[in-house]
PDB file of N, CA and C in Angstrom:
ATOM      1  N   MET A   1      48.291 140.952  96.780  1.00  0.00           N
ATOM      2  CA  MET A   1      49.778 141.118  97.286  1.00  0.00           C
ATOM      3  C   MET A   1      49.898 139.215  96.514  1.00  0.00           C
ATOM      4  N   ILE A   2      50.830 138.842  96.071  1.00  0.00           N
ATOM      5  CA  ILE A   2      51.231 137.495  95.914  1.00  0.00           C
ATOM      6  C   ILE A   2      52.329 137.371  97.154  1.00  0.00           C
ATOM      7  N   LEU A   3      51.613 136.103  97.979  1.00  0.00           N
ATOM      8  CA  LEU A   3      52.328 135.904  99.335  1.00  0.00           C
ATOM      9  C   LEU A   3      53.523 134.694  99.131  1.00  0.00           C
ATOM     10  N   GLY A   4      53.090 133.667  98.098  1.00  0.00           N
ATOM     11  CA  GLY A   4      53.808 132.766  97.671  1.00  0.00           C
ATOM     12  C   GLY A   4      53.502 131.804  96.283  1.00  0.00           C
ATOM     13  N   VAL A   5      54.638 131.264  95.785  1.00  0.00           N
ATOM     14  CA  VAL A   5      54.604 130.380  94.642  1.00  0.00           C
ATOM     15  C   VAL A   5      55.023 128.702  95.016  1.00  0.00           C
ATOM     16  N   GLY A   6      54.401 128.300  94.110  1.00  0.00           N
ATOM     17  CA  GLY A   6      54.692 126.615  94.189  1.00  0.00           C
ATOM     18  C   GLY A   6      54.244 125.977  93.336  1.00  0.00           C
ATOM     19  N   THR A   7      55.818 125.149  92.558  1.00  0.00           N
ATOM     20  CA  THR A   7      55.404 124.134  91.535  1.00  0.00           C
ATOM     21  C   THR A   7      55.809 122.953  92.082  1.00  0.00           C
ATOM     22  N   ASP A   8      55.435 122.214  91.113  1.00  0.00           N
ATOM     23  CA  ASP A   8      56.317 121.097  90.838  1.00  0.00           C
ATOM     24  C   ASP A   8      55.886 119.654  89.895  1.00  0.00           C
ATOM     25  N   ILE A   9      56.499 118.872  90.076  1.00  0.00           N
ATOM     26  CA  ILE A   9      56.276 117.826  88.571  1.00  0.00           C
ATOM     27  C   ILE A   9      56.727 116.264  89.273  1.00  0.00           C
ATOM     28  N   VAL A  10      55.502 115.323  88.710  1.00  0.00           N
ATOM     29  CA  VAL A  10      55.470 114.581  89.087  1.00  0.00           C
ATOM     30  C   VAL A  10      55.511 112.746  87.386  1.00  0.00           C
ATOM     31  N   GLU A  11      56.558 112.031  87.642  1.00  0.00           N
ATOM     32  CA  GLU A  11      56.530 111.193  86.878  1.00  0.00           C
ATOM     33  C   GLU A  11      54.667 110.302  86.836  1.00  0.00           C
ATOM     34  N   THR A  12      54.375 109.961  86.291  1.00  0.00           N
ATOM     35  CA  THR A  12      53.506 109.277  86.206  1.00  0.00           C
ATOM     36  C   THR A  12      53.591 107.957  86.765  1.00  0.00           C
ATOM     37  N   LYS A  13      55.256 107.374  85.985  1.00  0.00           N
ATOM     38  CA  LYS A  13      55.152 105.431  86.650  1.00  0.00           C
ATOM     39  C   LYS A  13      55.545 105.703  87.644  1.00  0.00           C
ATOM     40  N   ARG A  14      55.822 106.506  88.773  1.00  0.00           N
ATOM     41  CA  ARG A  14      55.855 106.408  90.152  1.00  0.00           C
ATOM     42  C   ARG A  14      55.077 106.778  90.664  1.00  0.00           C
ATOM     43  N   ILE A  15      53.596 107.345  90.530  1.00  0.00           N
ATOM     44  CA  ILE A  15      52.756 106.838  90.829  1.00  0.00           C
ATOM     45  C   ILE A  15      51.865 105.484  90.434  1.00  0.00           C
ATOM     46  N   ARG A  16      52.185 104.875  88.985  1.00  0.00           N
ATOM     47  CA  ARG A  16      51.695 103.978  88.774  1.00  0.00           C
ATOM     48  C   ARG A  16      52.199 103.010  89.724  1.00  0.00           C
ATOM     49  N   ALA A  17      53.326 102.649  90.102  1.00  0.00           N
ATOM     50  CA  ALA A  17      53.916 102.163  90.683  1.00  0.00           C
ATOM     51  C   ALA A  17      53.740 101.883  92.527  1.00  0.00           C
ATOM     52  N   ALA A  18      53.682 103.228  92.865  1.00  0.00           N
ATOM     53  CA  ALA A  18      52.937 103.494  94.209  1.00  0.00           C
ATOM     54  C   ALA A  18      51.802 102.720  94.116  1.00  0.00           C
ATOM     55  N   ILE A  19      50.338 103.040  93.171  1.00  0.00           N
ATOM     56  CA  ILE A  19      49.086 102.535  92.878  1.00  0.00           C
ATOM     57  C   ILE A  19      48.892 100.497  93.303  1.00  0.00           C
ATOM     58  N   GLU A  20      50.327 100.506  92.373  1.00  0.00           N
ATOM     59  CA  GLU A  20      50.205  99.045  92.534  1.00  0.00           C
ATOM     60  C   GLU A  20      51.207  98.279  93.447  1.00  0.00           C
ATOM     61  N   ARG A  21      51.765  98.919  94.401  1.00  0.00           N
ATOM     62  CA  ARG A  21      52.457  98.316  95.211  1.00  0.00           C
ATOM     63  C   ARG A  21      51.073  98.732  96.726  1.00  0.00           C
ATOM     64  N   ARG A  22      50.574  99.882  96.854  1.00  0.00           N
ATOM     65  CA  ARG A  22      50.102 100.413  97.920  1.00  0.00           C
ATOM     66  C   ARG A  22      47.868 100.465  97.880  1.00  0.00           C
ATOM     67  N   GLY A  23      48.311 100.392  96.282  1.00  0.00           N
ATOM     68  CA  GLY A  23      46.861  99.879  96.429  1.00  0.00           C
ATOM     69  C   GLY A  23      45.868 101.631  96.977  1.00  0.00           C
ATOM     70  N   GLN A  24      44.380 100.964  97.556  1.00  0.00           N
ATOM     71  CA  GLN A  24      43.807 101.682  98.082  1.00  0.00           C
ATOM     72  C   GLN A  24      44.326 103.056  99.228  1.00  0.00           C
ATOM     73  N   ALA A  25      45.203 102.286  99.988  1.00  0.00           N
ATOM     74  CA  ALA A  25      45.758 103.147 100.869  1.00  0.00           C
ATOM     75  C   ALA A  25      46.124 104.316 100.706  1.00  0.00           C
ATOM     76  N   PHE A  26      46.765 104.370  98.824  1.00  0.00           N
ATOM     77  CA  PHE A  26      47.869 104.861  98.414  1.00  0.00           C
ATOM     78  C   PHE A  26      46.510 106.255  97.781  1.00  0.00           C
ATOM     79  N   PHE A  27      45.662 105.944  97.619  1.00  0.00           N
ATOM     80  CA  PHE A  27      44.239 106.966  97.114  1.00  0.00           C
ATOM     81  C   PHE A  27      43.902 107.313  98.887  1.00  0.00           C
ATOM     82  N   ASP A  28      43.798 106.079  99.335  1.00  0.00           N
ATOM     83  CA  ASP A  28      43.583 107.246 100.948  1.00  0.00           C
ATOM     84  C   ASP A  28      43.936 108.531 101.293  1.00  0.00           C
ATOM     85  N   LYS A  29      45.369 108.281 101.034  1.00  0.00           N
ATOM     86  CA  LYS A  29      46.444 109.192 101.551  1.00  0.00           C
ATOM     87  C   LYS A  29      46.759 110.439 101.050  1.00  0.00           C
ATOM     88  N   VAL A  30      46.404 110.373  99.716  1.00  0.00           N
ATOM     89  CA  VAL A  30      46.913 110.985  98.756  1.00  0.00           C
ATOM     90  C   VAL A  30      45.646 112.131  98.384  1.00  0.00           C
ATOM     91  N   LEU A  31      44.313 111.627  98.019  1.00  0.00           N
ATOM     92  CA  LEU A  31      43.273 111.930  97.653  1.00  0.00           C
ATOM     93  C   LEU A  31      42.082 112.169  98.409  1.00  0.00           C
ATOM     94  N   GLY A  32      41.292 113.768  98.547  1.00  0.00           N
ATOM     95  CA  GLY A  32      40.288 114.150  99.355  1.00  0.00           C
ATOM     96  C   GLY A  32      39.270 113.445  98.825  1.00  0.00           C
ATOM     97  N   PRO A  33      38.139 113.425  99.304  1.00  0.00           N
ATOM     98  CA  PRO A  33      37.024 112.427  99.022  1.00  0.00           C
ATOM     99  C   PRO A  33      35.968 112.206  98.131  1.00  0.00           C
ATOM    100  N   SER A  34      35.834 113.715  97.388  1.00  0.00           N
ATOM    101  CA  SER A  34      35.468 114.029  95.737  1.00  0.00           C
ATOM    102  C   SER A  34      36.777 113.219  94.943  1.00  0.00           C
ATOM    103  N   GLU A  35      37.739 113.818  95.218  1.00  0.00           N
ATOM    104  CA  GLU A  35      38.712 113.649  94.405  1.00  0.00           C
ATOM    105  C   GLU A  35      39.147 111.560  94.410  1.00  0.00           C
ATOM    106  N   ARG A  36      38.544 111.100  95.155  1.00  0.00           N
ATOM    107  CA  ARG A  36      38.388 109.527  95.326  1.00  0.00           C
ATOM    108  C   ARG A  36      37.571 109.604  94.455  1.00  0.00           C
ATOM    109  N   GLN A  37      36.304 109.745  94.668  1.00  0.00           N
ATOM    110  CA  GLN A  37      35.055 109.338  94.081  1.00  0.00           C
ATOM    111  C   GLN A  37      35.434 109.221  92.389  1.00  0.00           C
ATOM    112  N   THR A  38      35.983 110.585  92.067  1.00  0.00           N
ATOM    113  CA  THR A  38      35.884 111.212  90.698  1.00  0.00           C
ATOM    114  C   THR A  38      37.061 110.017  90.248  1.00  0.00           C
ATOM    115  N   ALA A  39      38.263 109.600  90.912  1.00  0.00           N
ATOM    116  CA  ALA A  39      39.226 108.571  90.271  1.00  0.00           C
ATOM    117  C   ALA A  39      38.947 107.606  90.093  1.00  0.00           C
ATOM    118  N   LEU A  40      38.090 106.555  90.995  1.00  0.00           N
ATOM    119  CA  LEU A  40      37.137 105.579  90.731  1.00  0.00           C
ATOM    120  C   LEU A  40      36.527 105.154  89.528  1.00  0.00           C
ATOM    121  N   GLY A  41      36.199 106.381  88.876  1.00  0.00           N
ATOM    122  CA  GLY A  41      35.353 106.738  87.420  1.00  0.00           C
ATOM    123  C   GLY A  41      36.036 106.293  86.803  1.00  0.00           C
ATOM    124  N   TYR A  42      37.129 106.398  87.093  1.00  0.00           N
ATOM    125  CA  TYR A  42      38.264 106.303  85.233  1.00  0.00           C
ATOM    126  C   TYR A  42      38.656 105.125  85.362  1.00  0.00           C
ATOM    127  N   GLY A  43      39.352 105.080  83.765  1.00  0.00           N
ATOM    128  CA  GLY A  43      39.847 103.599  83.737  1.00  0.00           C
ATOM    129  C   GLY A  43      41.371 104.029  84.124  1.00  0.00           C
ATOM    130  N   ALA A  44      42.295 103.089  84.441  1.00  0.00           N
ATOM    131  CA  ALA A  44      43.541 102.345  85.151  1.00  0.00           C
ATOM    132  C   ALA A  44      44.589 103.739  84.348  1.00  0.00           C
ATOM    133  N   ALA A  45      44.559 104.110  82.976  1.00  0.00           N
ATOM    134  CA  ALA A  45      45.417 105.161  82.763  1.00  0.00           C
ATOM    135  C   ALA A  45      44.946 106.473  82.776  1.00  0.00           C
ATOM    136  N   ARG A  46      44.147 107.263  82.760  1.00  0.00           N
ATOM    137  CA  ARG A  46      43.595 107.988  83.109  1.00  0.00           C
ATOM    138  C   ARG A  46      43.746 108.397  84.623  1.00  0.00           C
ATOM    139  N   GLN A  47      43.075 107.424  85.408  1.00  0.00           N
ATOM    140  CA  GLN A  47      43.257 107.201  86.925  1.00  0.00           C
ATOM    141  C   GLN A  47      44.535 107.636  87.371  1.00  0.00           C
ATOM    142  N   ILE A  48      45.567 106.959  87.116  1.00  0.00           N
ATOM    143  CA  ILE A  48      47.137 107.156  87.329  1.00  0.00           C
ATOM    144  C   ILE A  48      47.672 108.799  86.798  1.00  0.00           C
ATOM    145  N   GLU A  49      46.938 109.323  85.480  1.00  0.00           N
ATOM    146  CA  GLU A  49      47.332 110.507  85.138  1.00  0.00           C
ATOM    147  C   GLU A  49      46.721 111.650  86.279  1.00  0.00           C
ATOM    148  N   TYR A  50      45.042 111.097  86.662  1.00  0.00           N
ATOM    149  CA  TYR A  50      44.679 111.849  87.175  1.00  0.00           C
ATOM    150  C   TYR A  50      45.268 112.153  88.900  1.00  0.00           C
ATOM    151  N   VAL A  51      45.419 111.226  89.387  1.00  0.00           N
ATOM    152  CA  VAL A  51      46.296 110.905  90.838  1.00  0.00           C
ATOM    153  C   VAL A  51      47.530 111.782  90.802  1.00  0.00           C
ATOM    154  N   ALA A  52      48.036 111.383  89.359  1.00  0.00           N
ATOM    155  CA  ALA A  52      49.191 112.200  89.501  1.00  0.00           C
ATOM    156  C   ALA A  52      49.364 113.658  89.138  1.00  0.00           C
ATOM    157  N   GLY A  53      48.414 114.167  88.559  1.00  0.00           N
ATOM    158  CA  GLY A  53      47.982 115.338  88.495  1.00  0.00           C
ATOM    159  C   GLY A  53      47.872 116.321  89.958  1.00  0.00           C
ATOM    160  N   ARG A  54      47.363 115.554  90.824  1.00  0.00           N
ATOM    161  CA  ARG A  54      46.282 115.795  91.986  1.00  0.00           C
ATOM    162  C   ARG A  54      47.717 115.551  93.029  1.00  0.00           C
ATOM    163  N   PHE A  55      48.557 114.940  92.929  1.00  0.00           N
ATOM    164  CA  PHE A  55      49.597 114.871  93.569  1.00  0.00           C
ATOM    165  C   PHE A  55      50.417 116.020  93.780  1.00  0.00           C
ATOM    166  N   ALA A  56      51.022 116.179  92.426  1.00  0.00           N
ATOM    167  CA  ALA A  56      51.930 117.337  91.844  1.00  0.00           C
ATOM    168  C   ALA A  56      51.125 118.647  92.336  1.00  0.00           C
ATOM    169  N   ALA A  57      49.801 118.980  92.421  1.00  0.00           N
ATOM    170  CA  ALA A  57      48.995 120.385  93.089  1.00  0.00           C
ATOM    171  C   ALA A  57      49.597 120.272  94.390  1.00  0.00           C
ATOM    172  N   LYS A  58      48.938 119.556  95.089  1.00  0.00           N
ATOM    173  CA  LYS A  58      49.007 119.770  96.619  1.00  0.00           C
ATOM    174  C   LYS A  58      50.990 119.701  97.319  1.00  0.00           C
ATOM    175  N   GLU A  59      51.668 119.113  96.174  1.00  0.00           N
ATOM    176  CA  GLU A  59      53.058 119.802  96.159  1.00  0.00           C
ATOM    177  C   GLU A  59      53.487 120.959  96.328  1.00  0.00           C
ATOM    178  N   ALA A  60      52.739 121.158  95.363  1.00  0.00           N
ATOM    179  CA  ALA A  60      52.835 123.018  94.618  1.00  0.00           C
ATOM    180  C   ALA A  60      52.118 123.988  95.586  1.00  0.00           C
ATOM    181  N   LEU A  61      50.961 123.305  96.065  1.00  0.00           N
ATOM    182  CA  LEU A  61      50.315 124.568  97.456  1.00  0.00           C
ATOM    183  C   LEU A  61      50.762 124.167  98.750  1.00  0.00           C
ATOM    184  N   ALA A  62      51.749 123.262  99.073  1.00  0.00           N
ATOM    185  CA  ALA A  62      52.681 123.028 100.480  1.00  0.00           C
ATOM    186  C   ALA A  62      53.678 123.735 100.226  1.00  0.00           C
ATOM    187  N   LYS A  63      54.171 123.772  99.270  1.00  0.00           N
ATOM    188  CA  LYS A  63      55.454 124.860  98.836  1.00  0.00           C
ATOM    189  C   LYS A  63      55.222 126.426  98.863  1.00  0.00           C
ATOM    190  N   ALA A  64      53.760 126.189  98.132  1.00  0.00           N
ATOM    191  CA  ALA A  64      53.369 127.754  98.136  1.00  0.00           C
ATOM    192  C   ALA A  64      53.099 129.244  98.894  1.00  0.00           C
ATOM    193  N   ILE A  65      52.306 127.935  99.986  1.00  0.00           N
ATOM    194  CA  ILE A  65      52.216 128.447 101.123  1.00  0.00           C
ATOM    195  C   ILE A  65      53.273 128.092 102.264  1.00  0.00           C
ATOM    196  N   GLY A  66      54.158 127.395 101.924  1.00  0.00           N
ATOM    197  CA  GLY A  66      55.482 127.421 102.880  1.00  0.00           C
ATOM    198  C   GLY A  66      55.008 126.018 103.993  1.00  0.00           C
ATOM    199  N   CYS A  67      54.147 125.338 104.172  1.00  0.00           N
ATOM    200  CA  CYS A  67      53.661 124.424 105.433  1.00  0.00           C
ATOM    201  C   CYS A  67      54.315 123.265 105.574  1.00  0.00           C
ATOM    202  N   GLY A  68      54.751 122.972 104.120  1.00  0.00           N
ATOM    203  CA  GLY A  68      55.300 121.259 104.431  1.00  0.00           C
ATOM    204  C   GLY A  68      54.300 120.683 103.580  1.00  0.00           C
ATOM    205  N   LEU A  69      54.697 118.959 103.425  1.00  0.00           N
ATOM    206  CA  LEU A  69      53.722 118.097 102.647  1.00  0.00           C
ATOM    207  C   LEU A  69      52.916 117.320 103.887  1.00  0.00           C
ATOM    208  N   GLY A  70      53.447 116.940 105.271  1.00  0.00           N
ATOM    209  CA  GLY A  70      52.855 116.599 105.990  1.00  0.00           C
ATOM    210  C   GLY A  70      51.554 118.172 106.867  1.00  0.00           C
ATOM    211  N   ASN A  71      51.691 119.146 106.683  1.00  0.00           N
ATOM    212  CA  ASN A  71      50.765 119.906 107.534  1.00  0.00           C
ATOM    213  C   ASN A  71      50.121 120.205 106.339  1.00  0.00           C
ATOM    214  N   LEU A  72      50.136 119.380 104.994  1.00  0.00           N
ATOM    215  CA  LEU A  72      49.359 120.183 104.132  1.00  0.00           C
ATOM    216  C   LEU A  72      47.872 119.018 104.360  1.00  0.00           C
ATOM    217  N   ALA A  73      48.466 118.136 104.853  1.00  0.00           N
ATOM    218  CA  ALA A  73      47.407 116.592 104.870  1.00  0.00           C
ATOM    219  C   ALA A  73      46.525 116.787 103.599  1.00  0.00           C
ATOM    220  N   MET A  74      46.597 115.892 102.899  1.00  0.00           N
ATOM    221  CA  MET A  74      46.519 115.964 101.728  1.00  0.00           C
ATOM    222  C   MET A  74      45.061 114.984 101.076  1.00  0.00           C
ATOM    223  N   ARG A  75      45.310 113.975 102.269  1.00  0.00           N
ATOM    224  CA  ARG A  75      43.329 113.888 102.215  1.00  0.00           C
ATOM    225  C   ARG A  75      42.642 114.301 102.383  1.00  0.00           C
ATOM    226  N   HIS A  76      43.016 115.659 103.284  1.00  0.00           N
ATOM    227  CA  HIS A  76      41.885 116.570 103.420  1.00  0.00           C
ATOM    228  C   HIS A  76      41.677 117.605 103.225  1.00  0.00           C
ATOM    229  N   VAL A  77      42.491 117.854 102.086  1.00  0.00           N
ATOM    230  CA  VAL A  77      42.373 118.781 100.591  1.00  0.00           C
ATOM    231  C   VAL A  77      41.659 117.991  99.524  1.00  0.00           C
ATOM    232  N   ASP A  78      40.310 118.686  98.931  1.00  0.00           N
ATOM    233  CA  ASP A  78      40.184 118.281  97.510  1.00  0.00           C
ATOM    234  C   ASP A  78      40.322 119.031  96.625  1.00  0.00           C
ATOM    235  N   ILE A  79      40.833 119.006  95.389  1.00  0.00           N
ATOM    236  CA  ILE A  79      40.664 120.599  94.568  1.00  0.00           C
ATOM    237  C   ILE A  79      39.860 119.186  93.157  1.00  0.00           C
ATOM    238  N   ILE A  80      38.995 120.238  92.934  1.00  0.00           N
ATOM    239  CA  ILE A  80      37.978 119.840  91.927  1.00  0.00           C
ATOM    240  C   ILE A  80      37.337 120.445  90.953  1.00  0.00           C
ATOM    241  N   LEU A  81      37.286 120.559  89.481  1.00  0.00           N
ATOM    242  CA  LEU A  81      37.088 120.898  89.126  1.00  0.00           C
ATOM    243  C   LEU A  81      35.489 121.479  88.704  1.00  0.00           C
ATOM    244  N   VAL A  82      34.893 122.758  88.574  1.00  0.00           N
ATOM    245  CA  VAL A  82      33.864 123.432  89.252  1.00  0.00           C
ATOM    246  C   VAL A  82      33.531 124.097  87.700  1.00  0.00           C
ATOM    247  N   SER A  83      32.723 123.951  86.601  1.00  0.00           N
ATOM    248  CA  SER A  83      32.281 123.822  85.287  1.00  0.00           C
ATOM    249  C   SER A  83      31.876 125.856  85.158  1.00  0.00           C
ATOM    250  N   GLY A  84      32.943 126.064  84.567  1.00  0.00           N
ATOM    251  CA  GLY A  84      33.046 127.513  84.446  1.00  0.00           C
ATOM    252  C   GLY A  84      33.592 128.141  85.368  1.00  0.00           C
ATOM    253  N   GLN A  85      34.452 127.862  86.332  1.00  0.00           N
ATOM    254  CA  GLN A  85      35.465 127.859  87.407  1.00  0.00           C
ATOM    255  C   GLN A  85      36.533 127.099  87.437  1.00  0.00           C
ATOM    256  N   GLY A  86      36.802 126.732  86.887  1.00  0.00           N
ATOM    257  CA  GLY A  86      38.264 125.797  86.499  1.00  0.00           C
ATOM    258  C   GLY A  86      38.553 125.156  88.071  1.00  0.00           C
ATOM    259  N   LEU A  87      39.448 124.917  88.490  1.00  0.00           N
ATOM    260  CA  LEU A  87      39.464 124.195  89.670  1.00  0.00           C
ATOM    261  C   LEU A  87      39.774 125.012  90.979  1.00  0.00           C
ATOM    262  N   GLN A  88      38.810 124.265  92.131  1.00  0.00           N
ATOM    263  CA  GLN A  88      38.793 124.746  93.161  1.00  0.00           C
ATOM    264  C   GLN A  88      39.272 124.294  94.337  1.00  0.00           C
ATOM    265  N   ILE A  89      39.865 124.640  95.507  1.00  0.00           N
ATOM    266  CA  ILE A  89      40.226 124.304  96.256  1.00  0.00           C
ATOM    267  C   ILE A  89      39.131 124.058  97.509  1.00  0.00           C
ATOM    268  N   ARG A  90      39.249 122.817  98.217  1.00  0.00           N
ATOM    269  CA  ARG A  90      38.444 122.485  99.259  1.00  0.00           C
ATOM    270  C   ARG A  90      39.207 121.747  99.904  1.00  0.00           C
ATOM    271  N   ALA A  91      39.813 122.749 101.277  1.00  0.00           N
ATOM    272  CA  ALA A  91      40.403 122.705 102.369  1.00  0.00           C
ATOM    273  C   ALA A  91      39.567 121.696 103.919  1.00  0.00           C
ATOM    274  N   GLN A  92      39.912 120.986 104.873  1.00  0.00           N
ATOM    275  CA  GLN A  92      38.890 121.156 106.296  1.00  0.00           C
ATOM    276  C   GLN A  92      40.711 120.795 107.076  1.00  0.00           C
ATOM    277  N   ALA A  93      40.335 121.112 107.891  1.00  0.00           N
ATOM    278  CA  ALA A  93      41.108 121.030 109.092  1.00  0.00           C
ATOM    279  C   ALA A  93      41.560 119.592 108.649  1.00  0.00           C
ATOM    280  N   PRO A  94      42.271 118.116 109.313  1.00  0.00           N
ATOM    281  CA  PRO A  94      44.259 119.455 109.847  1.00  0.00           C
ATOM    282  C   PRO A  94      44.553 120.174 108.874  1.00  0.00           C
ATOM    283  N   SER A  95      44.571 120.239 107.191  1.00  0.00           N
ATOM    284  CA  SER A  95      44.835 120.863 107.010  1.00  0.00           C
ATOM    285  C   SER A  95      45.831 122.522 106.776  1.00  0.00           C
ATOM    286  N   ALA A  96      46.779 122.871 106.830  1.00  0.00           N
ATOM    287  CA  ALA A  96      47.175 124.227 107.546  1.00  0.00           C
ATOM    288  C   ALA A  96      46.593 124.988 106.174  1.00  0.00           C
ATOM    289  N   LEU A  97      46.046 124.479 104.876  1.00  0.00           N
ATOM    290  CA  LEU A  97      45.462 125.346 103.791  1.00  0.00           C
ATOM    291  C   LEU A  97      43.826 125.851 104.828  1.00  0.00           C
ATOM    292  N   ALA A  98      43.403 125.416 105.527  1.00  0.00           N
ATOM    293  CA  ALA A  98      41.869 125.101 106.051  1.00  0.00           C
ATOM    294  C   ALA A  98      42.291 126.791 107.196  1.00  0.00           C
ATOM    295  N   ASP A  99      43.627 126.785 107.352  1.00  0.00           N
ATOM    296  CA  ASP A  99      43.562 127.914 108.570  1.00  0.00           C
ATOM    297  C   ASP A  99      44.288 129.298 107.984  1.00  0.00           C
ATOM    298  N   LEU A 100      43.876 129.216 106.388  1.00  0.00           N
ATOM    299  CA  LEU A 100      44.280 130.475 106.349  1.00  0.00           C
ATOM    300  C   LEU A 100      43.293 131.353 106.039  1.00  0.00           C
ATOM    301  N   PRO A 101      43.733 132.983 106.445  1.00  0.00           N
ATOM    302  CA  PRO A 101      42.872 134.294 106.627  1.00  0.00           C
ATOM    303  C   PRO A 101      41.714 133.511 105.545  1.00  0.00           C
ATOM    304  N   ALA A 102      40.509 134.255 105.685  1.00  0.00           N
ATOM    305  CA  ALA A 102      39.680 133.822 104.507  1.00  0.00           C
ATOM    306  C   ALA A 102      39.400 135.038 103.578  1.00  0.00           C
ATOM    307  N   SER A 103      40.350 135.819 103.813  1.00  0.00           N
ATOM    308  CA  SER A 103      40.643 136.738 102.218  1.00  0.00           C
ATOM    309  C   SER A 103      41.762 136.089 102.155  1.00  0.00           C
ATOM    310  N   ASP A 104      42.604 135.357 101.893  1.00  0.00           N
ATOM    311  CA  ASP A 104      43.517 135.188 101.457  1.00  0.00           C
ATOM    312  C   ASP A 104      42.795 134.028 100.253  1.00  0.00           C
ATOM    313  N   ARG A 105      43.550 133.763  98.949  1.00  0.00           N
ATOM    314  CA  ARG A 105      43.154 132.947  97.895  1.00  0.00           C
ATOM    315  C   ARG A 105      44.426 131.851  97.785  1.00  0.00           C
ATOM    316  N   VAL A 106      44.079 130.847  97.096  1.00  0.00           N
ATOM    317  CA  VAL A 106      45.145 129.788  96.315  1.00  0.00           C
ATOM    318  C   VAL A 106      44.649 129.436  95.499  1.00  0.00           C
ATOM    319  N   HIS A 107      44.982 129.547  94.293  1.00  0.00           N
ATOM    320  CA  HIS A 107      45.100 129.187  93.076  1.00  0.00           C
ATOM    321  C   HIS A 107      45.995 128.441  92.616  1.00  0.00           C
ATOM    322  N   VAL A 108      45.279 127.201  91.872  1.00  0.00           N
ATOM    323  CA  VAL A 108      46.149 125.920  91.521  1.00  0.00           C
ATOM    324  C   VAL A 108      46.189 125.589  90.247  1.00  0.00           C
ATOM    325  N   SER A 109      46.736 125.179  88.924  1.00  0.00           N
ATOM    326  CA  SER A 109      46.739 125.065  87.611  1.00  0.00           C
ATOM    327  C   SER A 109      47.768 123.755  87.713  1.00  0.00           C
ATOM    328  N   ILE A 110      47.026 122.948  86.658  1.00  0.00           N
ATOM    329  CA  ILE A 110      47.439 121.456  86.367  1.00  0.00           C
ATOM    330  C   ILE A 110      47.453 121.241  84.894  1.00  0.00           C
ATOM    331  N   SER A 111      49.051 120.200  84.689  1.00  0.00           N
ATOM    332  CA  SER A 111      48.887 120.013  83.199  1.00  0.00           C
ATOM    333  C   SER A 111      49.439 118.547  82.877  1.00  0.00           C
ATOM    334  N   HIS A 112      49.490 117.781  82.086  1.00  0.00           N
ATOM    335  CA  HIS A 112      49.704 117.114  81.882  1.00  0.00           C
ATOM    336  C   HIS A 112      50.459 116.262  80.370  1.00  0.00           C
ATOM    337  N   GLU A 113      51.429 116.059  80.386  1.00  0.00           N
ATOM    338  CA  GLU A 113      52.410 115.962  79.375  1.00  0.00           C
ATOM    339  C   GLU A 113      53.079 114.603  79.189  1.00  0.00           C
ATOM    340  N   LYS A 114      52.538 113.317  78.106  1.00  0.00           N
ATOM    341  CA  LYS A 114      52.809 112.288  77.954  1.00  0.00           C
ATOM    342  C   LYS A 114      53.231 111.458  79.183  1.00  0.00           C
ATOM    343  N   SER A 115      54.590 111.560  79.897  1.00  0.00           N
ATOM    344  CA  SER A 115      54.535 110.624  81.228  1.00  0.00           C
ATOM    345  C   SER A 115      54.428 111.417  82.611  1.00  0.00           C
ATOM    346  N   ILE A 116      54.429 113.071  82.513  1.00  0.00           N
ATOM    347  CA  ILE A 116      54.522 113.952  83.435  1.00  0.00           C
ATOM    348  C   ILE A 116      53.158 114.471  84.060  1.00  0.00           C
ATOM    349  N   ALA A 117      53.266 115.007  85.240  1.00  0.00           N
ATOM    350  CA  ALA A 117      52.118 116.145  85.453  1.00  0.00           C
ATOM    351  C   ALA A 117      52.723 116.892  85.845  1.00  0.00           C
ATOM    352  N   PHE A 118      52.412 118.261  85.724  1.00  0.00           N
ATOM    353  CA  PHE A 118      52.618 119.616  85.954  1.00  0.00           C
ATOM    354  C   PHE A 118      51.982 120.220  86.960  1.00  0.00           C
ATOM    355  N   ALA A 119      52.819 120.961  88.236  1.00  0.00           N
ATOM    356  CA  ALA A 119      51.137 122.133  88.421  1.00  0.00           C
ATOM    357  C   ALA A 119      52.146 122.952  89.338  1.00  0.00           C
ATOM    358  N   THR A 120      50.974 124.396  89.023  1.00  0.00           N
ATOM    359  CA  THR A 120      51.710 125.167  89.535  1.00  0.00           C
ATOM    360  C   THR A 120      50.783 126.089  90.481  1.00  0.00           C
ATOM    361  N   ALA A 121      51.242 126.406  91.880  1.00  0.00           N
ATOM    362  CA  ALA A 121      50.048 126.935  92.717  1.00  0.00           C
ATOM    363  C   ALA A 121      50.242 128.217  93.180  1.00  0.00           C
ATOM    364  N   ILE A 122      49.633 129.566  93.389  1.00  0.00           N
ATOM    365  CA  ILE A 122      49.873 130.825  94.244  1.00  0.00           C
ATOM    366  C   ILE A 122      48.739 130.822  95.075  1.00  0.00           C
ATOM    367  N   TRP A 123      49.500 131.728  96.063  1.00  0.00           N
ATOM    368  CA  TRP A 123      48.978 132.208  97.645  1.00  0.00           C
ATOM    369  C   TRP A 123      48.594 133.504  97.159  1.00  0.00           C
ATOM    370  N   GLU A 124      47.940 134.050  97.478  1.00  0.00           N
ATOM    371  CA  GLU A 124      47.519 135.474  97.099  1.00  0.00           C
ATOM    372  C   GLU A 124      46.714 136.178  98.388  1.00  0.00           C
ATOM    373  N   ARG A 125      47.046 137.258  99.047  1.00  0.00           N
ATOM    374  CA  ARG A 125      46.098 138.099  99.649  1.00  0.00           C
ATOM    375  C   ARG A 125      45.495 139.500  99.418  1.00  0.00           C
ATOM    376  N   ARG A 126      44.521 139.531  99.791  1.00  0.00           N
ATOM    377  CA  ARG A 126      43.521 140.287  98.612  1.00  0.00           C
ATOM    378  C   ARG A 126      43.394 141.388  99.661  1.00  0.00           C
TER     379      ARG A 126
END
C-alpha cells in the first residue's frame, strides 16, 4: 500500500551559490557520510549536480513521509547507488526515516536536466 508520495525540484544555481557561500559546512549539513565521500571525488560541475540531486531527493523523502525537512535530518541520510539495485536509502537516528517500521520501504528516483535536479519519493507499506 502506498502511504505517501513526494516530489521536489532544485535549480543547480541555488546549490552552487550555497556551496560558494558556505563551503564544507553546506556539504556537512545536507549530505550523509557516504554521499560526502562520493561528492568529493567529482569535479566542480558534477559535484553541484550530484548535491542538487541529493537535496531534491531528501526534500521529496520528507514530503513523502510527512515529517518535515528538519525531522528528516539530511546529514543522517545517505542515498547511494548500489550496482544492480539502483538507489538505496540508508538512514540513522535522529532521522525520521530511521523510525519507520521495518516492513516499510521508501523508494527514490533522481533526474537531472540542464540546470535542474528533480526527485520523486514513494513510501510503501508491505
